[in-house]
């Protein structure tokens, strides 16, 4: 049996995240609506709005929110777009990125 290695460490801090935002918005395939939700962290938005996009997988938003919170802390990942069956993230420090 293979042992789980645990969570990866924090990635090195990248430069300005505004460049990443511009790239992510440029890659958007179609226009989207802007929504506002009261939440302490971007990852909490899925739970706060009652997102059921993972309904086919029989999941509530809670496990996905927990993973997103971890990714926020470790990789600077922020919720960018929510769809009926998927979410898109903006990642400031992608895993595996090594800055020298």
PDB file of N, CA and C in Angstrom:
ATOM      1  N   UNK A   1       0.842  -1.168   0.000  1.00  0.00           N
ATOM      2  CA  UNK A   1       0.000   0.000   0.000  1.00  0.00           C
ATOM      3  C   UNK A   1       0.901   1.249   0.000  1.00  0.00           C
ATOM      4  N   UNK A   2       0.582   2.193  -0.886  1.00  0.00           N
ATOM      5  CA  UNK A   2       1.339   3.429  -0.983  1.00  0.00           C
ATOM      6  C   UNK A   2       0.890   4.398   0.090  1.00  0.00           C
ATOM      7  N   UNK A   3       1.860   5.018   0.738  1.00  0.00           N
ATOM      8  CA  UNK A   3       1.563   5.987   1.785  1.00  0.00           C
ATOM      9  C   UNK A   3       1.327   7.363   1.190  1.00  0.00           C
ATOM     10  N   UNK A   4       0.298   8.043   1.678  1.00  0.00           N
ATOM     11  CA  UNK A   4      -0.019   9.381   1.202  1.00  0.00           C
ATOM     12  C   UNK A   4       1.061  10.339   1.662  1.00  0.00           C
ATOM     13  N   UNK A   5       1.657  11.135   0.747  1.00  0.00           N
ATOM     14  CA  UNK A   5       2.778  11.994   1.131  1.00  0.00           C
ATOM     15  C   UNK A   5       2.384  13.258   1.886  1.00  0.00           C
ATOM     16  N   UNK A   6       1.109  13.557   1.953  1.00  0.00           N
ATOM     17  CA  UNK A   6       0.665  14.760   2.654  1.00  0.00           C
ATOM     18  C   UNK A   6       0.572  15.942   1.719  1.00  0.00           C
ATOM     19  N   UNK A   7       0.281  17.094   2.281  1.00  0.00           N
ATOM     20  CA  UNK A   7       0.135  18.306   1.491  1.00  0.00           C
ATOM     21  C   UNK A   7       1.492  18.815   1.046  1.00  0.00           C
ATOM     22  N   UNK A   8       1.525  19.398  -0.144  1.00  0.00           N
ATOM     23  CA  UNK A   8       2.747  20.019  -0.642  1.00  0.00           C
ATOM     24  C   UNK A   8       3.002  21.317   0.107  1.00  0.00           C
ATOM     25  N   UNK A   9       4.208  21.780   0.059  1.00  0.00           N
ATOM     26  CA  UNK A   9       4.561  23.034   0.732  1.00  0.00           C
ATOM     27  C   UNK A   9       4.054  24.235  -0.039  1.00  0.00           C
ATOM     28  N   UNK A  10       4.230  25.380   0.552  1.00  0.00           N
ATOM     29  CA  UNK A  10       3.842  26.620  -0.118  1.00  0.00           C
ATOM     30  C   UNK A  10       4.791  26.889  -1.277  1.00  0.00           C
ATOM     31  N   UNK A  11       4.230  27.390  -2.354  1.00  0.00           N
ATOM     32  CA  UNK A  11       5.048  27.750  -3.509  1.00  0.00           C
ATOM     33  C   UNK A  11       5.714  29.097  -3.258  1.00  0.00           C
ATOM     34  N   UNK A  12       6.764  29.361  -3.997  1.00  0.00           N
ATOM     35  CA  UNK A  12       7.441  30.653  -3.873  1.00  0.00           C
ATOM     36  C   UNK A  12       6.501  31.770  -4.292  1.00  0.00           C
ATOM     37  N   UNK A  13       6.616  32.893  -3.680  1.00  0.00           N
ATOM     38  CA  UNK A  13       5.727  34.024  -3.986  1.00  0.00           C
ATOM     39  C   UNK A  13       6.080  34.610  -5.347  1.00  0.00           C
ATOM     40  N   UNK A  14       5.088  34.670  -6.194  1.00  0.00           N
ATOM     41  CA  UNK A  14       5.278  35.237  -7.528  1.00  0.00           C
ATOM     42  C   UNK A  14       5.119  36.748  -7.468  1.00  0.00           C
ATOM     43  N   UNK A  15       5.297  37.401  -8.591  1.00  0.00           N
ATOM     44  CA  UNK A  15       5.148  38.846  -8.671  1.00  0.00           C
ATOM     45  C   UNK A  15       3.687  39.244  -8.587  1.00  0.00           C
ATOM     46  N   UNK A  16       3.379  40.350  -9.194  1.00  0.00           N
ATOM     47  CA  UNK A  16       2.037  40.904  -9.146  1.00  0.00           C
ATOM     48  C   UNK A  16       1.016  39.929  -9.714  1.00  0.00           C
ATOM     49  N   UNK A  17      -0.093  39.780  -9.031  1.00  0.00           N
ATOM     50  CA  UNK A  17      -1.144  38.882  -9.509  1.00  0.00           C
ATOM     51  C   UNK A  17      -2.018  39.549 -10.560  1.00  0.00           C
ATOM     52  N   UNK A  18      -1.842  40.856 -10.796  1.00  0.00           N
ATOM     53  CA  UNK A  18      -2.663  41.553 -11.789  1.00  0.00           C
ATOM     54  C   UNK A  18      -2.412  41.027 -13.192  1.00  0.00           C
ATOM     55  N   UNK A  19      -1.182  40.641 -13.489  1.00  0.00           N
ATOM     56  CA  UNK A  19      -0.898  40.069 -14.799  1.00  0.00           C
ATOM     57  C   UNK A  19      -1.682  38.767 -14.977  1.00  0.00           C
ATOM     58  N   UNK A  20      -1.736  37.960 -13.938  1.00  0.00           N
ATOM     59  CA  UNK A  20      -2.503  36.711 -13.988  1.00  0.00           C
ATOM     60  C   UNK A  20      -3.984  36.964 -14.184  1.00  0.00           C
ATOM     61  N   UNK A  21      -4.500  37.994 -13.543  1.00  0.00           N
ATOM     62  CA  UNK A  21      -5.915  38.344 -13.711  1.00  0.00           C
ATOM     63  C   UNK A  21      -6.189  38.723 -15.157  1.00  0.00           C
ATOM     64  N   UNK A  22      -5.309  39.525 -15.726  1.00  0.00           N
ATOM     65  CA  UNK A  22      -5.492  39.927 -17.121  1.00  0.00           C
ATOM     66  C   UNK A  22      -5.468  38.711 -18.055  1.00  0.00           C
ATOM     67  N   UNK A  23      -4.554  37.786 -17.823  1.00  0.00           N
ATOM     68  CA  UNK A  23      -4.493  36.587 -18.654  1.00  0.00           C
ATOM     69  C   UNK A  23      -5.749  35.737 -18.498  1.00  0.00           C
ATOM     70  N   UNK A  24      -6.188  35.559 -17.255  1.00  0.00           N
ATOM     71  CA  UNK A  24      -7.374  34.735 -17.011  1.00  0.00           C
ATOM     72  C   UNK A  24      -8.602  35.328 -17.676  1.00  0.00           C
ATOM     73  N   UNK A  25      -8.745  36.627 -17.593  1.00  0.00           N
ATOM     74  CA  UNK A  25      -9.891  37.274 -18.222  1.00  0.00           C
ATOM     75  C   UNK A  25      -9.806  37.208 -19.741  1.00  0.00           C
ATOM     76  N   UNK A  26      -8.606  37.271 -20.282  1.00  0.00           N
ATOM     77  CA  UNK A  26      -8.436  37.170 -21.731  1.00  0.00           C
ATOM     78  C   UNK A  26      -8.795  35.775 -22.229  1.00  0.00           C
ATOM     79  N   UNK A  27      -8.602  34.761 -21.400  1.00  0.00           N
ATOM     80  CA  UNK A  27      -8.895  33.385 -21.798  1.00  0.00           C
ATOM     81  C   UNK A  27     -10.378  33.041 -21.667  1.00  0.00           C
ATOM     82  N   UNK A  28     -11.143  33.906 -21.058  1.00  0.00           N
ATOM     83  CA  UNK A  28     -12.564  33.632 -20.878  1.00  0.00           C
ATOM     84  C   UNK A  28     -13.214  33.395 -22.237  1.00  0.00           C
ATOM     85  N   UNK A  29     -14.006  32.346 -22.327  1.00  0.00           N
ATOM     86  CA  UNK A  29     -14.584  31.951 -23.607  1.00  0.00           C
ATOM     87  C   UNK A  29     -15.825  32.738 -23.977  1.00  0.00           C
ATOM     88  N   UNK A  30     -16.543  33.225 -23.001  1.00  0.00           N
ATOM     89  CA  UNK A  30     -17.765  33.969 -23.293  1.00  0.00           C
ATOM     90  C   UNK A  30     -18.044  34.958 -22.158  1.00  0.00           C
ATOM     91  N   UNK A  31     -18.898  35.918 -22.430  1.00  0.00           N
ATOM     92  CA  UNK A  31     -19.211  36.889 -21.378  1.00  0.00           C
ATOM     93  C   UNK A  31     -19.823  36.207 -20.145  1.00  0.00           C
ATOM     94  N   UNK A  32     -19.576  36.768 -19.007  1.00  0.00           N
ATOM     95  CA  UNK A  32     -20.109  36.219 -17.760  1.00  0.00           C
ATOM     96  C   UNK A  32     -20.743  37.340 -16.951  1.00  0.00           C
ATOM     97  N   UNK A  33     -21.589  36.970 -16.023  1.00  0.00           N
ATOM     98  CA  UNK A  33     -22.207  37.937 -15.122  1.00  0.00           C
ATOM     99  C   UNK A  33     -21.372  38.037 -13.852  1.00  0.00           C
ATOM    100  N   UNK A  34     -21.398  39.200 -13.246  1.00  0.00           N
ATOM    101  CA  UNK A  34     -20.696  39.413 -11.991  1.00  0.00           C
ATOM    102  C   UNK A  34     -21.682  39.188 -10.854  1.00  0.00           C
ATOM    103  N   UNK A  35     -21.265  38.429  -9.868  1.00  0.00           N
ATOM    104  CA  UNK A  35     -22.093  38.196  -8.689  1.00  0.00           C
ATOM    105  C   UNK A  35     -21.337  38.611  -7.441  1.00  0.00           C
ATOM    106  N   UNK A  36     -22.053  39.071  -6.459  1.00  0.00           N
ATOM    107  CA  UNK A  36     -21.457  39.449  -5.187  1.00  0.00           C
ATOM    108  C   UNK A  36     -22.010  38.564  -4.084  1.00  0.00           C
ATOM    109  N   UNK A  37     -21.136  38.130  -3.198  1.00  0.00           N
ATOM    110  CA  UNK A  37     -21.554  37.306  -2.071  1.00  0.00           C
ATOM    111  C   UNK A  37     -20.750  37.723  -0.847  1.00  0.00           C
ATOM    112  N   UNK A  38     -21.394  37.730   0.301  1.00  0.00           N
ATOM    113  CA  UNK A  38     -20.711  38.055   1.549  1.00  0.00           C
ATOM    114  C   UNK A  38     -20.020  36.791   2.046  1.00  0.00           C
ATOM    115  N   UNK A  39     -18.697  36.859   2.134  1.00  0.00           N
ATOM    116  CA  UNK A  39     -17.918  35.707   2.596  1.00  0.00           C
ATOM    117  C   UNK A  39     -16.602  36.211   3.168  1.00  0.00           C
ATOM    118  N   UNK A  40     -16.061  35.470   4.127  1.00  0.00           N
ATOM    119  CA  UNK A  40     -14.771  35.836   4.716  1.00  0.00           C
ATOM    120  C   UNK A  40     -13.617  35.578   3.759  1.00  0.00           C
ATOM    121  N   UNK A  41     -13.758  34.542   2.922  1.00  0.00           N
ATOM    122  CA  UNK A  41     -12.714  34.160   1.976  1.00  0.00           C
ATOM    123  C   UNK A  41     -13.375  33.783   0.655  1.00  0.00           C
ATOM    124  N   UNK A  42     -12.662  33.931  -0.473  1.00  0.00           N
ATOM    125  CA  UNK A  42     -13.256  33.538  -1.757  1.00  0.00           C
ATOM    126  C   UNK A  42     -13.739  32.088  -1.792  1.00  0.00           C
ATOM    127  N   UNK A  43     -13.020  31.190  -1.135  1.00  0.00           N
ATOM    128  CA  UNK A  43     -13.419  29.779  -1.139  1.00  0.00           C
ATOM    129  C   UNK A  43     -14.778  29.560  -0.481  1.00  0.00           C
ATOM    130  N   UNK A  44     -15.153  30.428   0.434  1.00  0.00           N
ATOM    131  CA  UNK A  44     -16.414  30.271   1.153  1.00  0.00           C
ATOM    132  C   UNK A  44     -17.635  30.641   0.319  1.00  0.00           C
ATOM    133  N   UNK A  45     -17.408  31.258  -0.822  1.00  0.00           N
ATOM    134  CA  UNK A  45     -18.527  31.700  -1.661  1.00  0.00           C
ATOM    135  C   UNK A  45     -19.395  30.512  -2.096  1.00  0.00           C
ATOM    136  N   UNK A  46     -18.779  29.395  -2.462  1.00  0.00           N
ATOM    137  CA  UNK A  46     -19.565  28.237  -2.921  1.00  0.00           C
ATOM    138  C   UNK A  46     -20.583  27.801  -1.875  1.00  0.00           C
ATOM    139  N   UNK A  47     -20.151  27.743  -0.635  1.00  0.00           N
ATOM    140  CA  UNK A  47     -21.051  27.349   0.446  1.00  0.00           C
ATOM    141  C   UNK A  47     -22.094  28.426   0.708  1.00  0.00           C
ATOM    142  N   UNK A  48     -21.672  29.686   0.694  1.00  0.00           N
ATOM    143  CA  UNK A  48     -22.591  30.793   0.998  1.00  0.00           C
ATOM    144  C   UNK A  48     -23.721  30.917  -0.015  1.00  0.00           C
ATOM    145  N   UNK A  49     -23.446  30.634  -1.289  1.00  0.00           N
ATOM    146  CA  UNK A  49     -24.497  30.766  -2.307  1.00  0.00           C
ATOM    147  C   UNK A  49     -25.263  29.464  -2.530  1.00  0.00           C
ATOM    148  N   UNK A  50     -24.851  28.385  -1.854  1.00  0.00           N
ATOM    149  CA  UNK A  50     -25.543  27.111  -2.021  1.00  0.00           C
ATOM    150  C   UNK A  50     -25.268  26.453  -3.366  1.00  0.00           C
ATOM    151  N   UNK A  51     -24.058  26.608  -3.872  1.00  0.00           N
ATOM    152  CA  UNK A  51     -23.669  26.057  -5.172  1.00  0.00           C
ATOM    153  C   UNK A  51     -23.890  24.553  -5.194  1.00  0.00           C
ATOM    154  N   UNK A  52     -24.564  24.074  -6.208  1.00  0.00           N
ATOM    155  CA  UNK A  52     -24.838  22.632  -6.329  1.00  0.00           C
ATOM    156  C   UNK A  52     -24.215  22.060  -7.588  1.00  0.00           C
ATOM    157  N   UNK A  53     -23.185  22.690  -8.103  1.00  0.00           N
ATOM    158  CA  UNK A  53     -22.547  22.220  -9.318  1.00  0.00           C
ATOM    159  C   UNK A  53     -21.988  20.821  -9.219  1.00  0.00           C
ATOM    160  N   UNK A  54     -21.652  20.403  -8.022  1.00  0.00           N
ATOM    161  CA  UNK A  54     -21.111  19.060  -7.839  1.00  0.00           C
ATOM    162  C   UNK A  54     -22.216  18.047  -7.527  1.00  0.00           C
ATOM    163  N   UNK A  55     -23.455  18.387  -7.814  1.00  0.00           N
ATOM    164  CA  UNK A  55     -24.578  17.517  -7.467  1.00  0.00           C
ATOM    165  C   UNK A  55     -24.472  16.142  -8.121  1.00  0.00           C
ATOM    166  N   UNK A  56     -23.966  16.083  -9.346  1.00  0.00           N
ATOM    167  CA  UNK A  56     -23.839  14.791 -10.015  1.00  0.00           C
ATOM    168  C   UNK A  56     -22.816  13.901  -9.331  1.00  0.00           C
ATOM    169  N   UNK A  57     -21.890  14.487  -8.618  1.00  0.00           N
ATOM    170  CA  UNK A  57     -20.895  13.731  -7.873  1.00  0.00           C
ATOM    171  C   UNK A  57     -21.337  13.437  -6.457  1.00  0.00           C
ATOM    172  N   UNK A  58     -22.549  13.823  -6.105  1.00  0.00           N
ATOM    173  CA  UNK A  58     -23.122  13.610  -4.780  1.00  0.00           C
ATOM    174  C   UNK A  58     -22.304  14.276  -3.671  1.00  0.00           C
ATOM    175  N   UNK A  59     -21.776  15.450  -3.988  1.00  0.00           N
ATOM    176  CA  UNK A  59     -21.018  16.202  -2.989  1.00  0.00           C
ATOM    177  C   UNK A  59     -21.751  17.476  -2.632  1.00  0.00           C
ATOM    178  N   UNK A  60     -21.569  17.908  -1.415  1.00  0.00           N
ATOM    179  CA  UNK A  60     -22.015  19.245  -1.034  1.00  0.00           C
ATOM    180  C   UNK A  60     -20.847  20.176  -1.322  1.00  0.00           C
ATOM    181  N   UNK A  61     -21.050  21.474  -1.264  1.00  0.00           N
ATOM    182  CA  UNK A  61     -19.925  22.388  -1.487  1.00  0.00           C
ATOM    183  C   UNK A  61     -18.869  22.346  -0.381  1.00  0.00           C
ATOM    184  N   UNK A  62     -19.172  21.738   0.765  1.00  0.00           N
ATOM    185  CA  UNK A  62     -18.246  21.778   1.903  1.00  0.00           C
ATOM    186  C   UNK A  62     -16.884  21.151   1.622  1.00  0.00           C
ATOM    187  N   UNK A  63     -16.784  19.938   1.053  1.00  0.00           N
ATOM    188  CA  UNK A  63     -15.450  19.393   0.786  1.00  0.00           C
ATOM    189  C   UNK A  63     -14.680  20.214  -0.249  1.00  0.00           C
ATOM    190  N   UNK A  64     -15.383  20.736  -1.236  1.00  0.00           N
ATOM    191  CA  UNK A  64     -14.733  21.547  -2.250  1.00  0.00           C
ATOM    192  C   UNK A  64     -14.241  22.852  -1.633  1.00  0.00           C
ATOM    193  N   UNK A  65     -15.031  23.440  -0.738  1.00  0.00           N
ATOM    194  CA  UNK A  65     -14.632  24.657  -0.034  1.00  0.00           C
ATOM    195  C   UNK A  65     -13.373  24.397   0.789  1.00  0.00           C
ATOM    196  N   UNK A  66     -13.303  23.250   1.449  1.00  0.00           N
ATOM    197  CA  UNK A  66     -12.120  22.914   2.247  1.00  0.00           C
ATOM    198  C   UNK A  66     -10.871  22.827   1.370  1.00  0.00           C
ATOM    199  N   UNK A  67     -10.992  22.205   0.213  1.00  0.00           N
ATOM    200  CA  UNK A  67      -9.857  22.110  -0.709  1.00  0.00           C
ATOM    201  C   UNK A  67      -9.464  23.499  -1.217  1.00  0.00           C
ATOM    202  N   UNK A  68     -10.462  24.304  -1.579  1.00  0.00           N
ATOM    203  CA  UNK A  68     -10.170  25.656  -2.061  1.00  0.00           C
ATOM    204  C   UNK A  68      -9.483  26.502  -0.994  1.00  0.00           C
ATOM    205  N   UNK A  69      -9.896  26.346   0.261  1.00  0.00           N
ATOM    206  CA  UNK A  69      -9.239  27.092   1.351  1.00  0.00           C
ATOM    207  C   UNK A  69      -7.762  26.711   1.443  1.00  0.00           C
ATOM    208  N   UNK A  70      -7.481  25.412   1.322  1.00  0.00           N
ATOM    209  CA  UNK A  70      -6.096  24.947   1.354  1.00  0.00           C
ATOM    210  C   UNK A  70      -5.313  25.528   0.182  1.00  0.00           C
ATOM    211  N   UNK A  71      -5.914  25.542  -0.997  1.00  0.00           N
ATOM    212  CA  UNK A  71      -5.243  26.074  -2.183  1.00  0.00           C
ATOM    213  C   UNK A  71      -5.043  27.586  -2.079  1.00  0.00           C
ATOM    214  N   UNK A  72      -5.986  28.286  -1.426  1.00  0.00           N
ATOM    215  CA  UNK A  72      -5.799  29.723  -1.192  1.00  0.00           C
ATOM    216  C   UNK A  72      -4.535  29.963  -0.380  1.00  0.00           C
ATOM    217  N   UNK A  73      -4.398  29.207   0.707  1.00  0.00           N
ATOM    218  CA  UNK A  73      -3.255  29.379   1.606  1.00  0.00           C
ATOM    219  C   UNK A  73      -1.941  28.986   0.942  1.00  0.00           C
ATOM    220  N   UNK A  74      -1.939  27.862   0.232  1.00  0.00           N
ATOM    221  CA  UNK A  74      -0.695  27.327  -0.305  1.00  0.00           C
ATOM    222  C   UNK A  74      -0.287  27.919  -1.645  1.00  0.00           C
ATOM    223  N   UNK A  75      -1.263  28.209  -2.504  1.00  0.00           N
ATOM    224  CA  UNK A  75      -0.935  28.605  -3.871  1.00  0.00           C
ATOM    225  C   UNK A  75      -1.497  29.971  -4.276  1.00  0.00           C
ATOM    226  N   UNK A  76      -2.193  30.638  -3.385  1.00  0.00           N
ATOM    227  CA  UNK A  76      -2.795  31.923  -3.731  1.00  0.00           C
ATOM    228  C   UNK A  76      -3.927  31.766  -4.731  1.00  0.00           C
ATOM    229  N   UNK A  77      -4.601  30.632  -4.721  1.00  0.00           N
ATOM    230  CA  UNK A  77      -5.702  30.373  -5.662  1.00  0.00           C
ATOM    231  C   UNK A  77      -6.946  31.133  -5.220  1.00  0.00           C
ATOM    232  N   UNK A  78      -7.590  31.789  -6.163  1.00  0.00           N
ATOM    233  CA  UNK A  78      -8.809  32.547  -5.876  1.00  0.00           C
ATOM    234  C   UNK A  78      -9.889  32.121  -6.849  1.00  0.00           C
ATOM    235  N   UNK A  79     -11.096  32.054  -6.357  1.00  0.00           N
ATOM    236  CA  UNK A  79     -12.244  31.714  -7.177  1.00  0.00           C
ATOM    237  C   UNK A  79     -12.460  32.811  -8.206  1.00  0.00           C
ATOM    238  N   UNK A  80     -12.531  32.461  -9.472  1.00  0.00           N
ATOM    239  CA  UNK A  80     -12.683  33.435 -10.542  1.00  0.00           C
ATOM    240  C   UNK A  80     -14.050  33.334 -11.196  1.00  0.00           C
ATOM    241  N   UNK A  81     -14.487  32.108 -11.461  1.00  0.00           N
ATOM    242  CA  UNK A  81     -15.743  31.924 -12.193  1.00  0.00           C
ATOM    243  C   UNK A  81     -16.431  30.655 -11.695  1.00  0.00           C
ATOM    244  N   UNK A  82     -17.743  30.744 -11.551  1.00  0.00           N
ATOM    245  CA  UNK A  82     -18.546  29.603 -11.109  1.00  0.00           C
ATOM    246  C   UNK A  82     -19.545  29.288 -12.207  1.00  0.00           C
ATOM    247  N   UNK A  83     -19.597  28.033 -12.610  1.00  0.00           N
ATOM    248  CA  UNK A  83     -20.569  27.589 -13.604  1.00  0.00           C
ATOM    249  C   UNK A  83     -21.492  26.542 -13.014  1.00  0.00           C
ATOM    250  N   UNK A  84     -22.340  25.981 -13.848  1.00  0.00           N
ATOM    251  CA  UNK A  84     -23.262  24.964 -13.365  1.00  0.00           C
ATOM    252  C   UNK A  84     -22.550  23.672 -12.980  1.00  0.00           C
ATOM    253  N   UNK A  85     -21.464  23.368 -13.658  1.00  0.00           N
ATOM    254  CA  UNK A  85     -20.779  22.112 -13.394  1.00  0.00           C
ATOM    255  C   UNK A  85     -19.274  22.262 -13.216  1.00  0.00           C
ATOM    256  N   UNK A  86     -18.778  23.485 -13.151  1.00  0.00           N
ATOM    257  CA  UNK A  86     -17.341  23.670 -12.990  1.00  0.00           C
ATOM    258  C   UNK A  86     -17.053  25.028 -12.354  1.00  0.00           C
ATOM    259  N   UNK A  87     -15.844  25.127 -11.844  1.00  0.00           N
ATOM    260  CA  UNK A  87     -15.362  26.394 -11.310  1.00  0.00           C
ATOM    261  C   UNK A  87     -14.000  26.666 -11.948  1.00  0.00           C
ATOM    262  N   UNK A  88     -13.658  27.938 -12.049  1.00  0.00           N
ATOM    263  CA  UNK A  88     -12.349  28.329 -12.557  1.00  0.00           C
ATOM    264  C   UNK A  88     -11.644  29.130 -11.482  1.00  0.00           C
ATOM    265  N   UNK A  89     -10.340  28.927 -11.393  1.00  0.00           N
ATOM    266  CA  UNK A  89      -9.539  29.586 -10.377  1.00  0.00           C
ATOM    267  C   UNK A  89      -8.466  30.439 -11.020  1.00  0.00           C
ATOM    268  N   UNK A  90      -8.069  31.475 -10.327  1.00  0.00           N
ATOM    269  CA  UNK A  90      -6.908  32.273 -10.672  1.00  0.00           C
ATOM    270  C   UNK A  90      -5.845  31.895  -9.650  1.00  0.00           C
ATOM    271  N   UNK A  91      -4.721  31.378 -10.109  1.00  0.00           N
ATOM    272  CA  UNK A  91      -3.692  30.858  -9.206  1.00  0.00           C
ATOM    273  C   UNK A  91      -2.457  31.743  -9.270  1.00  0.00           C
ATOM    274  N   UNK A  92      -2.152  32.371  -8.151  1.00  0.00           N
ATOM    275  CA  UNK A  92      -1.014  33.286  -8.066  1.00  0.00           C
ATOM    276  C   UNK A  92       0.327  32.549  -8.062  1.00  0.00           C
ATOM    277  N   UNK A  93       0.401  31.436  -7.340  1.00  0.00           N
ATOM    278  CA  UNK A  93       1.636  30.651  -7.225  1.00  0.00           C
ATOM    279  C   UNK A  93       1.327  29.194  -7.588  1.00  0.00           C
ATOM    280  N   UNK A  94       1.282  28.859  -8.880  1.00  0.00           N
ATOM    281  CA  UNK A  94       0.919  27.498  -9.275  1.00  0.00           C
ATOM    282  C   UNK A  94       1.860  26.458  -8.653  1.00  0.00           C
ATOM    283  N   UNK A  95       1.341  25.283  -8.324  1.00  0.00           N
ATOM    284  CA  UNK A  95       2.203  24.227  -7.768  1.00  0.00           C
ATOM    285  C   UNK A  95       3.278  23.854  -8.785  1.00  0.00           C
ATOM    286  N   UNK A  96       4.451  23.605  -8.278  1.00  0.00           N
ATOM    287  CA  UNK A  96       5.553  23.211  -9.137  1.00  0.00           C
ATOM    288  C   UNK A  96       6.325  24.370  -9.717  1.00  0.00           C
ATOM    289  N   UNK A  97       5.855  25.599  -9.504  1.00  0.00           N
ATOM    290  CA  UNK A  97       6.549  26.779 -10.008  1.00  0.00           C
ATOM    291  C   UNK A  97       7.732  27.076  -9.091  1.00  0.00           C
ATOM    292  N   UNK A  98       8.917  27.120  -9.660  1.00  0.00           N
ATOM    293  CA  UNK A  98      10.101  27.417  -8.870  1.00  0.00           C
ATOM    294  C   UNK A  98      10.677  28.743  -9.332  1.00  0.00           C
ATOM    295  N   UNK A  99      10.757  29.682  -8.428  1.00  0.00           N
ATOM    296  CA  UNK A  99      11.333  30.991  -8.747  1.00  0.00           C
ATOM    297  C   UNK A  99      12.731  31.073  -8.152  1.00  0.00           C
ATOM    298  N   UNK A 100      13.672  31.555  -8.921  1.00  0.00           N
ATOM    299  CA  UNK A 100      15.053  31.665  -8.403  1.00  0.00           C
ATOM    300  C   UNK A 100      15.434  33.104  -8.228  1.00  0.00           C
TER     301      UNK A 100
END
